């Protein structure tokens, strides 16, 4: 089925149009629509993480099914500026492919991703699952700080970081960092810096749930300045 999507504010400006069209399969949901828009209209992808879907003048749930005769609109946030989809604390599964798309650009010759997953054994103890918690507003701001530090050290680098919270089973993805740079050496260096720095200053904690007990852990070391370290190294 072919549907028309109404656009407003920053979305309309980026698309240079007040409406766009998509072809979706029967039974497609609001979530499917967002994924299709991201693929077909990449100029809008940076805003989609903070947009709402409206169906027939009502906010739509992610699993709401779309019909061919529905009136569909994409609604950007009405105040407070545009959220940056490159940085997120989320309860939803994380996609490394999505972060690659968020940092890819014509100037990049290399894109590196770090994917952190839940492992089963740590120092001989078997993990049943991990429970992650974060101070989300501050965590997002600190992710942006890490990106700014990287862009200062490696000019024109593009960075994205998503971290999941809640209960995660063994092998599930907990964190993804993506870095795009002109050359591969810069990507390796900046990618390592990104995950190490994230562990140091982003307020995220995990509870290790073992077969015989549990323990809260965190890596935060406070607001030290990495630029003051010898040769800019992260310990």
Protein backbone atom coordinates (compact mmCIF):
# COMPACT_ATOMS: atom_id res chain seq x y z
CA UNK A 1 0.00 0.00 0.00
CA UNK A 2 1.15 3.56 -0.71
CA UNK A 3 0.67 6.13 2.03
CA UNK A 4 1.24 9.86 2.29
CA UNK A 5 3.05 11.21 5.37
CA UNK A 6 2.57 14.81 6.46
CA UNK A 7 5.69 16.66 7.72
CA UNK A 8 6.07 19.71 9.93
CA UNK A 9 8.71 22.15 11.24
CA UNK A 10 12.29 20.80 11.04
CA UNK A 11 11.20 17.65 9.25
CA UNK A 12 9.57 19.63 6.44
CA UNK A 13 12.64 21.84 6.17
CA UNK A 14 15.01 18.89 5.84
CA UNK A 15 12.80 17.12 3.31
CA UNK A 16 12.07 20.39 1.48
CA UNK A 17 8.49 19.16 1.30
CA UNK A 18 5.34 19.14 3.40
CA UNK A 19 4.60 15.51 2.58
CA UNK A 20 6.35 12.37 1.37
CA UNK A 21 5.13 9.02 0.15
CA UNK A 22 6.06 5.48 1.13
CA UNK A 23 5.10 2.00 0.03
CA UNK A 24 4.47 -0.32 2.97
CA UNK A 25 3.29 -3.91 3.19
CA UNK A 26 -0.16 -4.69 4.55
CA UNK A 27 -0.12 -4.95 8.33
CA UNK A 28 2.80 -2.51 8.71
CA UNK A 29 3.03 -0.73 12.06
CA UNK A 30 4.08 2.75 13.15
CA UNK A 31 7.49 1.32 14.01
CA UNK A 32 7.78 -0.15 10.51
CA UNK A 33 6.89 3.25 9.09
CA UNK A 34 9.73 4.97 10.95
CA UNK A 35 12.22 2.39 9.73
CA UNK A 36 11.01 2.84 6.15
CA UNK A 37 11.24 6.63 6.39
CA UNK A 38 14.81 6.35 7.70
CA UNK A 39 15.76 4.17 4.74
CA UNK A 40 13.96 6.08 1.99
CA UNK A 41 14.58 9.61 3.28
CA UNK A 42 18.03 9.67 4.97
CA UNK A 43 17.90 13.46 5.31
CA UNK A 44 15.29 12.93 8.03
CA UNK A 45 17.11 10.18 9.94
CA UNK A 46 18.81 12.50 12.44
CA UNK A 47 15.41 13.68 13.74
CA UNK A 48 13.42 10.46 13.73
CA UNK A 49 14.58 9.30 17.17
CA UNK A 50 12.65 12.14 18.81
CA UNK A 51 9.57 12.17 16.57
CA UNK A 52 6.05 10.89 17.17
CA UNK A 53 3.78 9.16 14.68
CA UNK A 54 0.22 10.45 14.43
CA UNK A 55 -2.53 8.29 12.92
CA UNK A 56 -5.87 9.97 12.25
CA UNK A 57 -5.05 12.87 14.58
CA UNK A 58 -4.04 10.65 17.52
CA UNK A 59 -0.59 9.71 18.84
CA UNK A 60 0.19 6.16 17.70
CA UNK A 61 1.75 3.33 19.66
CA UNK A 62 4.76 1.66 18.05
CA UNK A 63 2.76 -1.50 17.33
CA UNK A 64 -0.32 0.27 15.93
CA UNK A 65 -1.21 -1.10 12.50
CA UNK A 66 -1.51 1.34 9.60
CA UNK A 67 -4.29 1.22 7.00
CA UNK A 68 -4.10 2.60 3.48
CA UNK A 69 -6.75 5.25 4.14
CA UNK A 70 -5.24 6.53 7.42
CA UNK A 71 -4.00 10.11 7.70
CA UNK A 72 -0.38 9.82 8.82
CA UNK A 73 1.85 12.57 10.18
CA UNK A 74 5.33 12.73 11.66
CA UNK A 75 5.53 15.15 14.58
CA UNK A 76 8.86 16.63 15.76
CA UNK A 77 9.25 17.82 19.37
CA UNK A 78 7.33 21.04 19.98
CA UNK A 79 9.84 22.67 22.36
CA UNK A 80 13.26 22.35 23.92
CA UNK A 81 15.15 21.97 20.66
CA UNK A 82 15.94 18.85 18.68
CA UNK A 83 17.28 15.81 20.46
CA UNK A 84 20.43 14.31 19.02
CA UNK A 85 19.70 10.66 18.12
CA UNK A 86 23.42 9.85 18.23
CA UNK A 87 23.31 9.67 22.03
CA UNK A 88 20.77 7.62 23.90
CA UNK A 89 19.92 5.67 27.02
CA UNK A 90 17.24 3.18 26.05
CA UNK A 91 15.31 0.13 27.20
CA UNK A 92 14.99 -1.06 23.61
CA UNK A 93 17.47 -3.40 21.85
CA UNK A 94 20.37 -1.53 20.27
CA UNK A 95 21.30 -1.79 16.60
CA UNK A 96 24.94 -1.35 15.59
CA UNK A 97 23.78 -0.82 12.00
CA UNK A 98 21.69 2.16 13.11
CA UNK A 99 24.68 3.81 14.79
CA UNK A 100 26.81 3.23 11.70
CA UNK A 101 24.18 5.10 9.67
CA UNK A 102 24.16 7.93 12.23
CA UNK A 103 27.90 8.60 11.86
CA UNK A 104 28.50 7.74 8.21
CA UNK A 105 29.27 10.76 6.06
CA UNK A 106 31.01 11.61 2.76
CA UNK A 107 34.27 12.56 4.53
CA UNK A 108 34.65 9.24 6.37
CA UNK A 109 36.89 6.51 5.01
CA UNK A 110 36.54 4.34 8.11
CA UNK A 111 33.73 3.55 10.54
CA UNK A 112 34.54 1.59 13.68
CA UNK A 113 31.94 0.12 16.03
CA UNK A 114 32.43 -1.26 19.51
CA UNK A 115 29.68 -3.60 20.68
CA UNK A 116 29.61 -4.55 24.36
CA UNK A 117 27.66 -7.70 25.19
CA UNK A 118 26.72 -9.59 28.35
CA UNK A 119 29.19 -12.40 28.99
CA UNK A 120 28.40 -15.53 30.95
CA UNK A 121 31.51 -15.88 33.13
CA UNK A 122 33.48 -13.19 35.00
CA UNK A 123 36.42 -14.30 37.15
CA UNK A 124 34.95 -17.77 37.36
CA UNK A 125 31.48 -16.62 38.43
CA UNK A 126 28.56 -17.47 36.16
CA UNK A 127 26.34 -14.52 35.29
CA UNK A 128 22.62 -15.25 34.99
CA UNK A 129 21.81 -11.75 33.72
CA UNK A 130 22.86 -8.11 34.16
CA UNK A 131 20.63 -5.28 35.33
CA UNK A 132 21.64 -1.82 34.10
CA UNK A 133 20.56 1.50 35.59
CA UNK A 134 21.47 5.05 34.54
CA UNK A 135 20.92 8.67 35.43
CA UNK A 136 19.63 9.14 31.89
CA UNK A 137 19.63 12.95 31.41
CA UNK A 138 23.15 13.31 32.77
CA UNK A 139 24.34 10.19 30.93
CA UNK A 140 23.29 11.63 27.57
CA UNK A 141 25.02 14.93 28.33
CA UNK A 142 28.22 13.09 29.30
CA UNK A 143 28.06 11.08 26.07
CA UNK A 144 27.95 14.39 24.21
CA UNK A 145 30.97 15.54 26.24
CA UNK A 146 32.91 12.43 25.19
CA UNK A 147 32.02 13.13 21.56
CA UNK A 148 33.23 16.74 21.91
CA UNK A 149 36.53 15.52 23.38
CA UNK A 150 36.95 13.11 20.48
CA UNK A 151 36.15 15.79 17.90
CA UNK A 152 38.78 18.04 19.50
CA UNK A 153 41.44 15.32 19.32
CA UNK A 154 40.40 13.91 15.95
CA UNK A 155 38.87 16.79 13.95
CA UNK A 156 35.80 15.96 11.85
CA UNK A 157 35.26 12.66 13.68
CA UNK A 158 31.60 11.71 14.04
CA UNK A 159 30.54 9.81 17.18
CA UNK A 160 27.40 7.97 18.33
CA UNK A 161 26.77 6.13 21.60
CA UNK A 162 23.75 4.14 22.77
CA UNK A 163 23.53 2.26 26.07
CA UNK A 164 20.74 -0.06 27.10
CA UNK A 165 19.24 -0.23 30.59
CA UNK A 166 17.08 -2.84 32.30
CA UNK A 167 17.64 -6.59 32.54
CA UNK A 168 19.86 -8.08 29.84
CA UNK A 169 20.43 -11.77 29.20
CA UNK A 170 23.75 -13.35 28.28
CA UNK A 171 24.85 -12.33 24.74
CA UNK A 172 22.51 -9.35 24.55
CA UNK A 173 24.02 -6.01 23.48
CA UNK A 174 24.51 -3.53 26.33
CA UNK A 175 26.37 -0.71 24.56
CA UNK A 176 27.38 0.38 21.07
CA UNK A 177 29.88 3.12 20.23
CA UNK A 178 30.40 4.11 16.60
CA UNK A 179 33.13 6.43 15.30
CA UNK A 180 33.61 7.64 11.74
CA UNK A 181 36.90 9.25 10.69
CA UNK A 182 38.78 9.92 7.49
CA UNK A 183 41.35 7.15 8.13
CA UNK A 184 41.31 3.78 9.88
CA UNK A 185 44.03 4.52 12.44
CA UNK A 186 42.03 7.45 13.74
CA UNK A 187 38.94 5.25 14.01
CA UNK A 188 40.77 2.65 16.09
CA UNK A 189 42.19 5.28 18.41
CA UNK A 190 39.00 7.32 18.74
CA UNK A 191 36.85 4.21 19.16
CA UNK A 192 38.95 2.97 22.07
CA UNK A 193 38.89 6.42 23.62
CA UNK A 194 35.09 6.53 23.28
CA UNK A 195 34.33 3.33 25.20
CA UNK A 196 36.98 3.87 27.86
CA UNK A 197 35.86 7.44 28.48
CA UNK A 198 32.21 6.37 28.53
CA UNK A 199 33.00 3.93 31.32
CA UNK A 200 34.82 6.63 33.25
CA UNK A 201 32.35 9.53 33.32
CA UNK A 202 28.91 8.39 32.11
CA UNK A 203 26.67 7.57 35.12
CA UNK A 204 25.64 4.00 34.33
CA UNK A 205 25.68 1.10 36.79
CA UNK A 206 25.18 -2.61 36.39
CA UNK A 207 24.09 -5.24 38.85
CA UNK A 208 25.79 -8.56 38.30
CA UNK A 209 23.24 -11.29 38.97
CA UNK A 210 25.19 -14.47 39.66
CA UNK A 211 24.06 -17.97 40.51
CA UNK A 212 25.11 -17.38 44.13
CA UNK A 213 24.59 -13.64 44.69
CA UNK A 214 24.72 -10.17 43.15
CA UNK A 215 26.76 -6.95 43.20
CA UNK A 216 26.33 -3.39 41.88
CA UNK A 217 29.26 -2.08 39.85
CA UNK A 218 30.17 1.21 38.20
CA UNK A 219 33.23 2.69 36.53
CA UNK A 220 32.77 6.42 37.14
CA UNK A 221 35.97 8.23 38.16
CA UNK A 222 34.69 11.79 38.39
CA UNK A 223 35.21 14.95 36.34
CA UNK A 224 38.94 14.72 35.64
CA UNK A 225 40.24 16.28 32.45
CA UNK A 226 41.71 13.71 30.02
CA UNK A 227 43.34 16.46 27.96
CA UNK A 228 45.72 17.12 30.85
CA UNK A 229 47.06 13.55 30.85
CA UNK A 230 50.51 12.87 29.35
CA UNK A 231 50.21 12.35 25.60
CA UNK A 232 46.43 12.36 26.01
CA UNK A 233 46.33 8.75 27.13
CA UNK A 234 43.36 7.17 28.84
CA UNK A 235 44.44 4.90 31.68
